[in-house]
């Protein structure tokens, strides 16, 4: 697959839980993130081209909250190396400065370094 990403994705030391913020249904766990997108691993395949309203449980309080609400569009999905899991790439939508701050804190505090 050709790399189309403009921003470097950072792997985190935690697989943070992501859920649908309206139904509270678990969707998957964060694998990597950048200011423009992210990848989740999930137990079920995720439909491509759909916009999701997510909430992520943060490992600690960031900017006065322990959750982060955001919208993302699924761009691709494929089976993981583990046959019982799926990987899905998302584009973050309607990113505001507070979102950038949350992402930067996650990368600075919990990202693997090259």
PDB file of N, CA and C in Angstrom:
ATOM      1  N   UNK A   1       0.849  -1.172   0.000  1.00  0.00           N
ATOM      2  CA  UNK A   1       0.000   0.000   0.000  1.00  0.00           C
ATOM      3  C   UNK A   1       0.899   1.241   0.000  1.00  0.00           C
ATOM      4  N   UNK A   2       0.616   2.178  -0.899  1.00  0.00           N
ATOM      5  CA  UNK A   2       1.404   3.399  -0.981  1.00  0.00           C
ATOM      6  C   UNK A   2       1.095   4.308   0.204  1.00  0.00           C
ATOM      7  N   UNK A   3       2.148   4.878   0.773  1.00  0.00           N
ATOM      8  CA  UNK A   3       2.013   5.775   1.924  1.00  0.00           C
ATOM      9  C   UNK A   3       1.462   7.118   1.463  1.00  0.00           C
ATOM     10  N   UNK A   4       0.282   7.517   1.947  1.00  0.00           N
ATOM     11  CA  UNK A   4      -0.339   8.793   1.585  1.00  0.00           C
ATOM     12  C   UNK A   4      -0.317   9.781   2.740  1.00  0.00           C
ATOM     13  N   UNK A   5       0.164   9.343   3.872  1.00  0.00           N
ATOM     14  CA  UNK A   5       0.160  10.137   5.088  1.00  0.00           C
ATOM     15  C   UNK A   5       1.119  11.316   4.978  1.00  0.00           C
ATOM     16  N   UNK A   6       0.680  12.494   5.418  1.00  0.00           N
ATOM     17  CA  UNK A   6       1.537  13.684   5.419  1.00  0.00           C
ATOM     18  C   UNK A   6       2.207  13.901   6.766  1.00  0.00           C
ATOM     19  N   UNK A   7       1.599  13.418   7.828  1.00  0.00           N
ATOM     20  CA  UNK A   7       2.128  13.592   9.177  1.00  0.00           C
ATOM     21  C   UNK A   7       2.564  12.245   9.733  1.00  0.00           C
ATOM     22  N   UNK A   8       3.653  12.235  10.469  1.00  0.00           N
ATOM     23  CA  UNK A   8       4.145  11.002  11.078  1.00  0.00           C
ATOM     24  C   UNK A   8       3.169  10.514  12.137  1.00  0.00           C
ATOM     25  N   UNK A   9       2.885   9.218  12.100  1.00  0.00           N
ATOM     26  CA  UNK A   9       2.057   8.608  13.126  1.00  0.00           C
ATOM     27  C   UNK A   9       2.955   8.132  14.246  1.00  0.00           C
ATOM     28  N   UNK A  10       2.505   8.296  15.480  1.00  0.00           N
ATOM     29  CA  UNK A  10       3.262   7.897  16.670  1.00  0.00           C
ATOM     30  C   UNK A  10       2.567   6.737  17.355  1.00  0.00           C
ATOM     31  N   UNK A  11       3.311   5.682  17.622  1.00  0.00           N
ATOM     32  CA  UNK A  11       2.806   4.565  18.424  1.00  0.00           C
ATOM     33  C   UNK A  11       2.898   4.962  19.891  1.00  0.00           C
ATOM     34  N   UNK A  12       1.886   4.605  20.652  1.00  0.00           N
ATOM     35  CA  UNK A  12       1.857   4.936  22.075  1.00  0.00           C
ATOM     36  C   UNK A  12       2.167   3.697  22.906  1.00  0.00           C
ATOM     37  N   UNK A  13       2.613   3.928  24.131  1.00  0.00           N
ATOM     38  CA  UNK A  13       2.941   2.807  25.013  1.00  0.00           C
ATOM     39  C   UNK A  13       1.682   2.161  25.597  1.00  0.00           C
ATOM     40  N   UNK A  14       0.532   2.818  25.457  1.00  0.00           N
ATOM     41  CA  UNK A  14      -0.754   2.257  25.885  1.00  0.00           C
ATOM     42  C   UNK A  14      -1.646   2.082  24.667  1.00  0.00           C
ATOM     43  N   UNK A  15      -2.471   1.042  24.671  1.00  0.00           N
ATOM     44  CA  UNK A  15      -3.537   0.913  23.677  1.00  0.00           C
ATOM     45  C   UNK A  15      -4.787   1.506  24.316  1.00  0.00           C
ATOM     46  N   UNK A  16      -5.024   2.781  24.058  1.00  0.00           N
ATOM     47  CA  UNK A  16      -6.124   3.489  24.704  1.00  0.00           C
ATOM     48  C   UNK A  16      -7.466   3.050  24.125  1.00  0.00           C
ATOM     49  N   UNK A  17      -8.448   2.903  25.007  1.00  0.00           N
ATOM     50  CA  UNK A  17      -9.781   2.461  24.615  1.00  0.00           C
ATOM     51  C   UNK A  17     -10.537   3.562  23.890  1.00  0.00           C
ATOM     52  N   UNK A  18     -11.186   3.200  22.783  1.00  0.00           N
ATOM     53  CA  UNK A  18     -12.013   4.121  22.010  1.00  0.00           C
ATOM     54  C   UNK A  18     -13.412   3.521  21.923  1.00  0.00           C
ATOM     55  N   UNK A  19     -14.425   4.365  22.167  1.00  0.00           N
ATOM     56  CA  UNK A  19     -15.807   3.890  22.110  1.00  0.00           C
ATOM     57  C   UNK A  19     -16.669   4.888  21.351  1.00  0.00           C
ATOM     58  N   UNK A  20     -17.840   4.444  20.927  1.00  0.00           N
ATOM     59  CA  UNK A  20     -18.825   5.322  20.310  1.00  0.00           C
ATOM     60  C   UNK A  20     -19.372   6.217  21.418  1.00  0.00           C
ATOM     61  N   UNK A  21     -19.278   7.515  21.238  1.00  0.00           N
ATOM     62  CA  UNK A  21     -19.651   8.398  22.343  1.00  0.00           C
ATOM     63  C   UNK A  21     -21.158   8.505  22.552  1.00  0.00           C
ATOM     64  N   UNK A  22     -21.962   8.046  21.601  1.00  0.00           N
ATOM     65  CA  UNK A  22     -23.413   8.105  21.779  1.00  0.00           C
ATOM     66  C   UNK A  22     -23.978   6.815  22.369  1.00  0.00           C
ATOM     67  N   UNK A  23     -23.406   5.675  21.978  1.00  0.00           N
ATOM     68  CA  UNK A  23     -23.924   4.385  22.460  1.00  0.00           C
ATOM     69  C   UNK A  23     -23.077   3.808  23.588  1.00  0.00           C
ATOM     70  N   UNK A  24     -21.881   4.355  23.789  1.00  0.00           N
ATOM     71  CA  UNK A  24     -20.920   3.866  24.780  1.00  0.00           C
ATOM     72  C   UNK A  24     -20.362   2.484  24.412  1.00  0.00           C
ATOM     73  N   UNK A  25     -20.627   2.036  23.180  1.00  0.00           N
ATOM     74  CA  UNK A  25     -20.145   0.730  22.718  1.00  0.00           C
ATOM     75  C   UNK A  25     -18.644   0.790  22.445  1.00  0.00           C
ATOM     76  N   UNK A  26     -17.870  -0.161  22.968  1.00  0.00           N
ATOM     77  CA  UNK A  26     -16.433  -0.196  22.659  1.00  0.00           C
ATOM     78  C   UNK A  26     -16.222  -0.456  21.166  1.00  0.00           C
ATOM     79  N   UNK A  27     -15.315   0.319  20.561  1.00  0.00           N
ATOM     80  CA  UNK A  27     -15.011   0.164  19.138  1.00  0.00           C
ATOM     81  C   UNK A  27     -13.666  -0.520  18.952  1.00  0.00           C
ATOM     82  N   UNK A  28     -12.670  -0.096  19.714  1.00  0.00           N
ATOM     83  CA  UNK A  28     -11.341  -0.681  19.575  1.00  0.00           C
ATOM     84  C   UNK A  28     -10.337   0.021  20.464  1.00  0.00           C
ATOM     85  N   UNK A  29      -9.061  -0.204  20.147  1.00  0.00           N
ATOM     86  CA  UNK A  29      -7.963   0.401  20.898  1.00  0.00           C
ATOM     87  C   UNK A  29      -7.040   1.143  19.942  1.00  0.00           C
ATOM     88  N   UNK A  30      -6.578   2.300  20.380  1.00  0.00           N
ATOM     89  CA  UNK A  30      -5.674   3.121  19.583  1.00  0.00           C
ATOM     90  C   UNK A  30      -4.322   2.437  19.447  1.00  0.00           C
ATOM     91  N   UNK A  31      -3.835   2.365  18.209  1.00  0.00           N
ATOM     92  CA  UNK A  31      -2.506   1.803  17.933  1.00  0.00           C
ATOM     93  C   UNK A  31      -1.511   2.932  17.693  1.00  0.00           C
ATOM     94  N   UNK A  32      -1.908   3.893  16.827  1.00  0.00           N
ATOM     95  CA  UNK A  32      -1.038   5.038  16.574  1.00  0.00           C
ATOM     96  C   UNK A  32      -1.887   6.261  16.249  1.00  0.00           C
ATOM     97  N   UNK A  33      -1.227   7.451  16.299  1.00  0.00           N
ATOM     98  CA  UNK A  33      -1.969   8.700  16.127  1.00  0.00           C
ATOM     99  C   UNK A  33      -1.051   9.788  15.589  1.00  0.00           C
ATOM    100  N   UNK A  34      -1.645  10.714  14.835  1.00  0.00           N
ATOM    101  CA  UNK A  34      -0.990  11.954  14.425  1.00  0.00           C
ATOM    102  C   UNK A  34      -2.055  13.046  14.510  1.00  0.00           C
ATOM    103  N   UNK A  35      -1.688  14.266  14.157  1.00  0.00           N
ATOM    104  CA  UNK A  35      -2.662  15.355  14.183  1.00  0.00           C
ATOM    105  C   UNK A  35      -3.717  15.203  13.097  1.00  0.00           C
ATOM    106  N   UNK A  36      -3.485  14.308  12.142  1.00  0.00           N
ATOM    107  CA  UNK A  36      -4.431  14.132  11.050  1.00  0.00           C
ATOM    108  C   UNK A  36      -5.166  12.809  11.025  1.00  0.00           C
ATOM    109  N   UNK A  37      -4.671  11.818  11.783  1.00  0.00           N
ATOM    110  CA  UNK A  37      -5.315  10.514  11.707  1.00  0.00           C
ATOM    111  C   UNK A  37      -4.860   9.567  12.789  1.00  0.00           C
ATOM    112  N   UNK A  38      -5.419   8.358  12.732  1.00  0.00           N
ATOM    113  CA  UNK A  38      -5.091   7.349  13.735  1.00  0.00           C
ATOM    114  C   UNK A  38      -5.409   5.966  13.185  1.00  0.00           C
ATOM    115  N   UNK A  39      -4.902   4.956  13.865  1.00  0.00           N
ATOM    116  CA  UNK A  39      -5.238   3.578  13.544  1.00  0.00           C
ATOM    117  C   UNK A  39      -5.743   2.894  14.806  1.00  0.00           C
ATOM    118  N   UNK A  40      -6.835   2.154  14.643  1.00  0.00           N
ATOM    119  CA  UNK A  40      -7.407   1.372  15.738  1.00  0.00           C
ATOM    120  C   UNK A  40      -7.282  -0.108  15.422  1.00  0.00           C
ATOM    121  N   UNK A  41      -7.211  -0.916  16.457  1.00  0.00           N
ATOM    122  CA  UNK A  41      -7.344  -2.361  16.330  1.00  0.00           C
ATOM    123  C   UNK A  41      -8.658  -2.728  17.017  1.00  0.00           C
ATOM    124  N   UNK A  42      -9.418  -3.633  16.369  1.00  0.00           N
ATOM    125  CA  UNK A  42     -10.734  -3.997  16.897  1.00  0.00           C
ATOM    126  C   UNK A  42     -10.987  -5.485  16.694  1.00  0.00           C
ATOM    127  N   UNK A  43     -11.972  -5.997  17.408  1.00  0.00           N
ATOM    128  CA  UNK A  43     -12.340  -7.405  17.281  1.00  0.00           C
ATOM    129  C   UNK A  43     -13.270  -7.645  16.102  1.00  0.00           C
ATOM    130  N   UNK A  44     -13.937  -6.601  15.627  1.00  0.00           N
ATOM    131  CA  UNK A  44     -14.857  -6.716  14.490  1.00  0.00           C
ATOM    132  C   UNK A  44     -14.403  -5.774  13.379  1.00  0.00           C
ATOM    133  N   UNK A  45     -14.681  -6.126  12.123  1.00  0.00           N
ATOM    134  CA  UNK A  45     -14.331  -5.202  11.040  1.00  0.00           C
ATOM    135  C   UNK A  45     -15.136  -3.911  11.172  1.00  0.00           C
ATOM    136  N   UNK A  46     -14.562  -2.821  10.694  1.00  0.00           N
ATOM    137  CA  UNK A  46     -15.208  -1.508  10.751  1.00  0.00           C
ATOM    138  C   UNK A  46     -15.488  -1.057   9.321  1.00  0.00           C
ATOM    139  N   UNK A  47     -16.715  -0.597   9.070  1.00  0.00           N
ATOM    140  CA  UNK A  47     -17.112  -0.162   7.734  1.00  0.00           C
ATOM    141  C   UNK A  47     -16.246   1.006   7.263  1.00  0.00           C
ATOM    142  N   UNK A  48     -15.821   0.953   6.006  1.00  0.00           N
ATOM    143  CA  UNK A  48     -14.988   2.009   5.417  1.00  0.00           C
ATOM    144  C   UNK A  48     -15.889   3.120   4.874  1.00  0.00           C
ATOM    145  N   UNK A  49     -15.432   4.374   5.018  1.00  0.00           N
ATOM    146  CA  UNK A  49     -16.158   5.518   4.498  1.00  0.00           C
ATOM    147  C   UNK A  49     -17.193   6.086   5.449  1.00  0.00           C
ATOM    148  N   UNK A  50     -17.252   5.565   6.637  1.00  0.00           N
ATOM    149  CA  UNK A  50     -18.236   6.009   7.634  1.00  0.00           C
ATOM    150  C   UNK A  50     -17.607   7.021   8.587  1.00  0.00           C
ATOM    151  N   UNK A  51     -18.397   8.007   9.006  1.00  0.00           N
ATOM    152  CA  UNK A  51     -17.953   8.984  10.000  1.00  0.00           C
ATOM    153  C   UNK A  51     -18.438   8.521  11.371  1.00  0.00           C
ATOM    154  N   UNK A  52     -17.525   8.519  12.320  1.00  0.00           N
ATOM    155  CA  UNK A  52     -17.811   8.066  13.684  1.00  0.00           C
ATOM    156  C   UNK A  52     -17.653   9.226  14.661  1.00  0.00           C
ATOM    157  N   UNK A  53     -18.439   9.195  15.725  1.00  0.00           N
ATOM    158  CA  UNK A  53     -18.291  10.121  16.838  1.00  0.00           C
ATOM    159  C   UNK A  53     -17.716   9.296  17.987  1.00  0.00           C
ATOM    160  N   UNK A  54     -16.429   9.506  18.262  1.00  0.00           N
ATOM    161  CA  UNK A  54     -15.701   8.693  19.224  1.00  0.00           C
ATOM    162  C   UNK A  54     -15.470   9.417  20.539  1.00  0.00           C
ATOM    163  N   UNK A  55     -15.192   8.623  21.556  1.00  0.00           N
ATOM    164  CA  UNK A  55     -14.678   9.120  22.826  1.00  0.00           C
ATOM    165  C   UNK A  55     -13.539   8.197  23.241  1.00  0.00           C
ATOM    166  N   UNK A  56     -12.428   8.798  23.622  1.00  0.00           N
ATOM    167  CA  UNK A  56     -11.258   8.041  24.058  1.00  0.00           C
ATOM    168  C   UNK A  56     -11.040   8.281  25.541  1.00  0.00           C
ATOM    169  N   UNK A  57     -10.771   7.209  26.258  1.00  0.00           N
ATOM    170  CA  UNK A  57     -10.413   7.302  27.663  1.00  0.00           C
ATOM    171  C   UNK A  57      -8.929   7.650  27.737  1.00  0.00           C
ATOM    172  N   UNK A  58      -8.595   8.780  28.337  1.00  0.00           N
ATOM    173  CA  UNK A  58      -7.204   9.220  28.430  1.00  0.00           C
ATOM    174  C   UNK A  58      -6.518   8.570  29.631  1.00  0.00           C
ATOM    175  N   UNK A  59      -5.204   8.342  29.535  1.00  0.00           N
ATOM    176  CA  UNK A  59      -4.499   7.688  30.643  1.00  0.00           C
ATOM    177  C   UNK A  59      -4.361   8.569  31.881  1.00  0.00           C
ATOM    178  N   UNK A  60      -4.524   9.868  31.693  1.00  0.00           N
ATOM    179  CA  UNK A  60      -4.488  10.820  32.806  1.00  0.00           C
ATOM    180  C   UNK A  60      -5.244  12.065  32.369  1.00  0.00           C
ATOM    181  N   UNK A  61      -5.486  12.962  33.280  1.00  0.00           N
ATOM    182  CA  UNK A  61      -6.186  14.192  32.956  1.00  0.00           C
ATOM    183  C   UNK A  61      -5.339  15.046  32.018  1.00  0.00           C
ATOM    184  N   UNK A  62      -5.960  15.488  30.920  1.00  0.00           N
ATOM    185  CA  UNK A  62      -5.328  16.401  29.968  1.00  0.00           C
ATOM    186  C   UNK A  62      -6.295  17.551  29.761  1.00  0.00           C
ATOM    187  N   UNK A  63      -5.830  18.765  29.979  1.00  0.00           N
ATOM    188  CA  UNK A  63      -6.651  19.970  29.822  1.00  0.00           C
ATOM    189  C   UNK A  63      -7.957  19.862  30.613  1.00  0.00           C
ATOM    190  N   UNK A  64      -7.867  19.296  31.821  1.00  0.00           N
ATOM    191  CA  UNK A  64      -9.010  19.265  32.718  1.00  0.00           C
ATOM    192  C   UNK A  64     -10.008  18.142  32.495  1.00  0.00           C
ATOM    193  N   UNK A  65      -9.691  17.168  31.636  1.00  0.00           N
ATOM    194  CA  UNK A  65     -10.625  16.073  31.390  1.00  0.00           C
ATOM    195  C   UNK A  65      -9.885  14.741  31.241  1.00  0.00           C
ATOM    196  N   UNK A  66     -10.604  13.654  31.491  1.00  0.00           N
ATOM    197  CA  UNK A  66     -10.014  12.314  31.337  1.00  0.00           C
ATOM    198  C   UNK A  66     -10.558  11.592  30.105  1.00  0.00           C
ATOM    199  N   UNK A  67     -11.358  12.301  29.297  1.00  0.00           N
ATOM    200  CA  UNK A  67     -11.847  11.751  28.032  1.00  0.00           C
ATOM    201  C   UNK A  67     -11.615  12.767  26.924  1.00  0.00           C
ATOM    202  N   UNK A  68     -11.595  12.276  25.691  1.00  0.00           N
ATOM    203  CA  UNK A  68     -11.438  13.141  24.518  1.00  0.00           C
ATOM    204  C   UNK A  68     -12.499  12.747  23.507  1.00  0.00           C
ATOM    205  N   UNK A  69     -13.371  13.685  23.152  1.00  0.00           N
ATOM    206  CA  UNK A  69     -14.408  13.469  22.144  1.00  0.00           C
ATOM    207  C   UNK A  69     -13.921  13.998  20.805  1.00  0.00           C
ATOM    208  N   UNK A  70     -14.082  13.185  19.749  1.00  0.00           N
ATOM    209  CA  UNK A  70     -13.628  13.595  18.421  1.00  0.00           C
ATOM    210  C   UNK A  70     -14.376  12.810  17.356  1.00  0.00           C
ATOM    211  N   UNK A  71     -14.360  13.353  16.130  1.00  0.00           N
ATOM    212  CA  UNK A  71     -14.974  12.698  14.982  1.00  0.00           C
ATOM    213  C   UNK A  71     -13.873  12.183  14.067  1.00  0.00           C
ATOM    214  N   UNK A  72     -14.125  11.047  13.426  1.00  0.00           N
ATOM    215  CA  UNK A  72     -13.141  10.463  12.519  1.00  0.00           C
ATOM    216  C   UNK A  72     -13.855   9.673  11.429  1.00  0.00           C
ATOM    217  N   UNK A  73     -13.257   9.675  10.236  1.00  0.00           N
ATOM    218  CA  UNK A  73     -13.791   8.928   9.097  1.00  0.00           C
ATOM    219  C   UNK A  73     -12.898   7.731   8.819  1.00  0.00           C
ATOM    220  N   UNK A  74     -13.496   6.556   8.715  1.00  0.00           N
ATOM    221  CA  UNK A  74     -12.720   5.345   8.414  1.00  0.00           C
ATOM    222  C   UNK A  74     -12.320   5.364   6.936  1.00  0.00           C
ATOM    223  N   UNK A  75     -11.021   5.160   6.682  1.00  0.00           N
ATOM    224  CA  UNK A  75     -10.494   5.209   5.319  1.00  0.00           C
ATOM    225  C   UNK A  75     -10.172   3.834   4.762  1.00  0.00           C
ATOM    226  N   UNK A  76      -9.760   2.934   5.612  1.00  0.00           N
ATOM    227  CA  UNK A  76      -9.427   1.567   5.189  1.00  0.00           C
ATOM    228  C   UNK A  76      -9.544   0.638   6.389  1.00  0.00           C
ATOM    229  N   UNK A  77      -9.715  -0.641   6.103  1.00  0.00           N
ATOM    230  CA  UNK A  77      -9.773  -1.647   7.159  1.00  0.00           C
ATOM    231  C   UNK A  77      -9.266  -2.964   6.589  1.00  0.00           C
ATOM    232  N   UNK A  78      -8.499  -3.702   7.395  1.00  0.00           N
ATOM    233  CA  UNK A  78      -7.953  -4.983   6.944  1.00  0.00           C
ATOM    234  C   UNK A  78      -7.698  -5.880   8.143  1.00  0.00           C
ATOM    235  N   UNK A  79      -7.624  -7.191   7.905  1.00  0.00           N
ATOM    236  CA  UNK A  79      -7.303  -8.098   9.007  1.00  0.00           C
ATOM    237  C   UNK A  79      -5.913  -7.795   9.564  1.00  0.00           C
ATOM    238  N   UNK A  80      -5.756  -7.983  10.854  1.00  0.00           N
ATOM    239  CA  UNK A  80      -4.477  -7.810  11.533  1.00  0.00           C
ATOM    240  C   UNK A  80      -3.675  -9.109  11.380  1.00  0.00           C
ATOM    241  N   UNK A  81      -2.417  -9.082  11.830  1.00  0.00           N
ATOM    242  CA  UNK A  81      -1.625 -10.318  11.865  1.00  0.00           C
ATOM    243  C   UNK A  81      -2.302 -11.356  12.749  1.00  0.00           C
ATOM    244  N   UNK A  82      -2.893 -10.891  13.848  1.00  0.00           N
ATOM    245  CA  UNK A  82      -3.696 -11.764  14.705  1.00  0.00           C
ATOM    246  C   UNK A  82      -5.031 -11.978  13.986  1.00  0.00           C
ATOM    247  N   UNK A  83      -5.369 -13.191  13.587  1.00  0.00           N
ATOM    248  CA  UNK A  83      -6.566 -13.413  12.775  1.00  0.00           C
ATOM    249  C   UNK A  83      -7.887 -13.060  13.462  1.00  0.00           C
ATOM    250  N   UNK A  84      -7.875 -12.821  14.755  1.00  0.00           N
ATOM    251  CA  UNK A  84      -9.116 -12.455  15.442  1.00  0.00           C
ATOM    252  C   UNK A  84      -9.280 -10.939  15.575  1.00  0.00           C
ATOM    253  N   UNK A  85      -8.353 -10.158  14.968  1.00  0.00           N
ATOM    254  CA  UNK A  85      -8.402  -8.696  15.074  1.00  0.00           C
ATOM    255  C   UNK A  85      -8.366  -8.038  13.694  1.00  0.00           C
ATOM    256  N   UNK A  86      -8.812  -6.768  13.658  1.00  0.00           N
ATOM    257  CA  UNK A  86      -8.803  -5.963  12.439  1.00  0.00           C
ATOM    258  C   UNK A  86      -8.141  -4.626  12.729  1.00  0.00           C
ATOM    259  N   UNK A  87      -7.429  -4.079  11.736  1.00  0.00           N
ATOM    260  CA  UNK A  87      -6.837  -2.745  11.827  1.00  0.00           C
ATOM    261  C   UNK A  87      -7.635  -1.815  10.917  1.00  0.00           C
ATOM    262  N   UNK A  88      -7.889  -0.592  11.391  1.00  0.00           N
ATOM    263  CA  UNK A  88      -8.624   0.384  10.597  1.00  0.00           C
ATOM    264  C   UNK A  88      -7.945   1.740  10.719  1.00  0.00           C
ATOM    265  N   UNK A  89      -7.752   2.399   9.569  1.00  0.00           N
ATOM    266  CA  UNK A  89      -7.179   3.740   9.538  1.00  0.00           C
ATOM    267  C   UNK A  89      -8.274   4.787   9.458  1.00  0.00           C
ATOM    268  N   UNK A  90      -8.098   5.861  10.206  1.00  0.00           N
ATOM    269  CA  UNK A  90      -9.086   6.933  10.278  1.00  0.00           C
ATOM    270  C   UNK A  90      -8.446   8.286  10.006  1.00  0.00           C
ATOM    271  N   UNK A  91      -9.206   9.159   9.376  1.00  0.00           N
ATOM    272  CA  UNK A  91      -8.851  10.571   9.250  1.00  0.00           C
ATOM    273  C   UNK A  91      -9.612  11.321  10.339  1.00  0.00           C
ATOM    274  N   UNK A  92      -8.908  12.138  11.118  1.00  0.00           N
ATOM    275  CA  UNK A  92      -9.576  12.956  12.129  1.00  0.00           C
ATOM    276  C   UNK A  92     -10.281  14.114  11.438  1.00  0.00           C
ATOM    277  N   UNK A  93     -11.490  14.424  11.868  1.00  0.00           N
ATOM    278  CA  UNK A  93     -12.303  15.472  11.259  1.00  0.00           C
ATOM    279  C   UNK A  93     -12.516  16.625  12.231  1.00  0.00           C
ATOM    280  N   UNK A  94     -12.687  17.825  11.671  1.00  0.00           N
ATOM    281  CA  UNK A  94     -13.022  19.012  12.467  1.00  0.00           C
ATOM    282  C   UNK A  94     -12.065  19.205  13.637  1.00  0.00           C
ATOM    283  N   UNK A  95     -10.775  19.040  13.368  1.00  0.00           N
ATOM    284  CA  UNK A  95      -9.757  19.146  14.419  1.00  0.00           C
ATOM    285  C   UNK A  95      -9.631  20.604  14.857  1.00  0.00           C
ATOM    286  N   UNK A  96      -9.750  20.835  16.158  1.00  0.00           N
ATOM    287  CA  UNK A  96      -9.630  22.183  16.720  1.00  0.00           C
ATOM    288  C   UNK A  96      -8.336  22.258  17.533  1.00  0.00           C
ATOM    289  N   UNK A  97      -7.898  23.465  17.897  1.00  0.00           N
ATOM    290  CA  UNK A  97      -6.636  23.591  18.644  1.00  0.00           C
ATOM    291  C   UNK A  97      -6.576  22.739  19.909  1.00  0.00           C
ATOM    292  N   UNK A  98      -7.687  22.579  20.618  1.00  0.00           N
ATOM    293  CA  UNK A  98      -7.692  21.759  21.826  1.00  0.00           C
ATOM    294  C   UNK A  98      -7.393  20.296  21.496  1.00  0.00           C
ATOM    295  N   UNK A  99      -7.894  19.835  20.337  1.00  0.00           N
ATOM    296  CA  UNK A  99      -7.599  18.463  19.898  1.00  0.00           C
ATOM    297  C   UNK A  99      -6.109  18.291  19.630  1.00  0.00           C
ATOM    298  N   UNK A 100      -5.516  19.274  18.962  1.00  0.00           N
ATOM    299  CA  UNK A 100      -4.073  19.227  18.679  1.00  0.00           C
ATOM    300  C   UNK A 100      -3.304  19.147  19.999  1.00  0.00           C
ATOM    301  N   UNK A 101      -3.722  19.929  20.988  1.00  0.00           N
ATOM    302  CA  UNK A 101      -3.069  19.899  22.299  1.00  0.00           C
ATOM    303  C   UNK A 101      -3.165  18.529  22.952  1.00  0.00           C
ATOM    304  N   UNK A 102      -4.332  17.895  22.863  1.00  0.00           N
ATOM    305  CA  UNK A 102      -4.508  16.556  23.428  1.00  0.00           C
ATOM    306  C   UNK A 102      -3.604  15.555  22.720  1.00  0.00           C
ATOM    307  N   UNK A 103      -3.577  15.604  21.396  1.00  0.00           N
ATOM    308  CA  UNK A 103      -2.734  14.688  20.613  1.00  0.00           C
ATOM    309  C   UNK A 103      -1.266  14.898  20.956  1.00  0.00           C
ATOM    310  N   UNK A 104      -0.837  16.157  21.023  1.00  0.00           N
ATOM    311  CA  UNK A 104       0.566  16.444  21.356  1.00  0.00           C
ATOM    312  C   UNK A 104       0.919  15.937  22.752  1.00  0.00           C
ATOM    313  N   UNK A 105       0.014  16.092  23.712  1.00  0.00           N
ATOM    314  CA  UNK A 105       0.265  15.571  25.068  1.00  0.00           C
ATOM    315  C   UNK A 105       0.391  14.056  25.047  1.00  0.00           C
ATOM    316  N   UNK A 106      -0.490  13.378  24.317  1.00  0.00           N
ATOM    317  CA  UNK A 106      -0.415  11.920  24.222  1.00  0.00           C
ATOM    318  C   UNK A 106       0.918  11.477  23.627  1.00  0.00           C
ATOM    319  N   UNK A 107       1.338  12.139  22.550  1.00  0.00           N
ATOM    320  CA  UNK A 107       2.600  11.781  21.895  1.00  0.00           C
ATOM    321  C   UNK A 107       3.782  12.081  22.812  1.00  0.00           C
ATOM    322  N   UNK A 108       3.785  13.267  23.422  1.00  0.00           N
ATOM    323  CA  UNK A 108       4.908  13.658  24.290  1.00  0.00           C
ATOM    324  C   UNK A 108       5.032  12.747  25.509  1.00  0.00           C
ATOM    325  N   UNK A 109       3.898  12.410  26.119  1.00  0.00           N
ATOM    326  CA  UNK A 109       3.930  11.648  27.366  1.00  0.00           C
ATOM    327  C   UNK A 109       3.920  10.131  27.176  1.00  0.00           C
ATOM    328  N   UNK A 110       3.327   9.651  26.068  1.00  0.00           N
ATOM    329  CA  UNK A 110       3.117   8.210  25.912  1.00  0.00           C
ATOM    330  C   UNK A 110       3.599   7.647  24.579  1.00  0.00           C
ATOM    331  N   UNK A 111       4.248   8.469  23.756  1.00  0.00           N
ATOM    332  CA  UNK A 111       4.702   7.993  22.456  1.00  0.00           C
ATOM    333  C   UNK A 111       6.060   7.321  22.519  1.00  0.00           C
ATOM    334  N   UNK A 112       6.226   6.280  21.683  1.00  0.00           N
ATOM    335  CA  UNK A 112       7.547   5.666  21.527  1.00  0.00           C
ATOM    336  C   UNK A 112       8.430   6.633  20.759  1.00  0.00           C
ATOM    337  N   UNK A 113       9.675   6.708  21.111  1.00  0.00           N
ATOM    338  CA  UNK A 113      10.631   7.580  20.420  1.00  0.00           C
ATOM    339  C   UNK A 113      11.444   6.774  19.425  1.00  0.00           C
ATOM    340  N   UNK A 114      11.790   7.422  18.313  1.00  0.00           N
ATOM    341  CA  UNK A 114      12.636   6.770  17.290  1.00  0.00           C
ATOM    342  C   UNK A 114      14.038   6.562  17.797  1.00  0.00           C
TER     343      UNK A 114
END
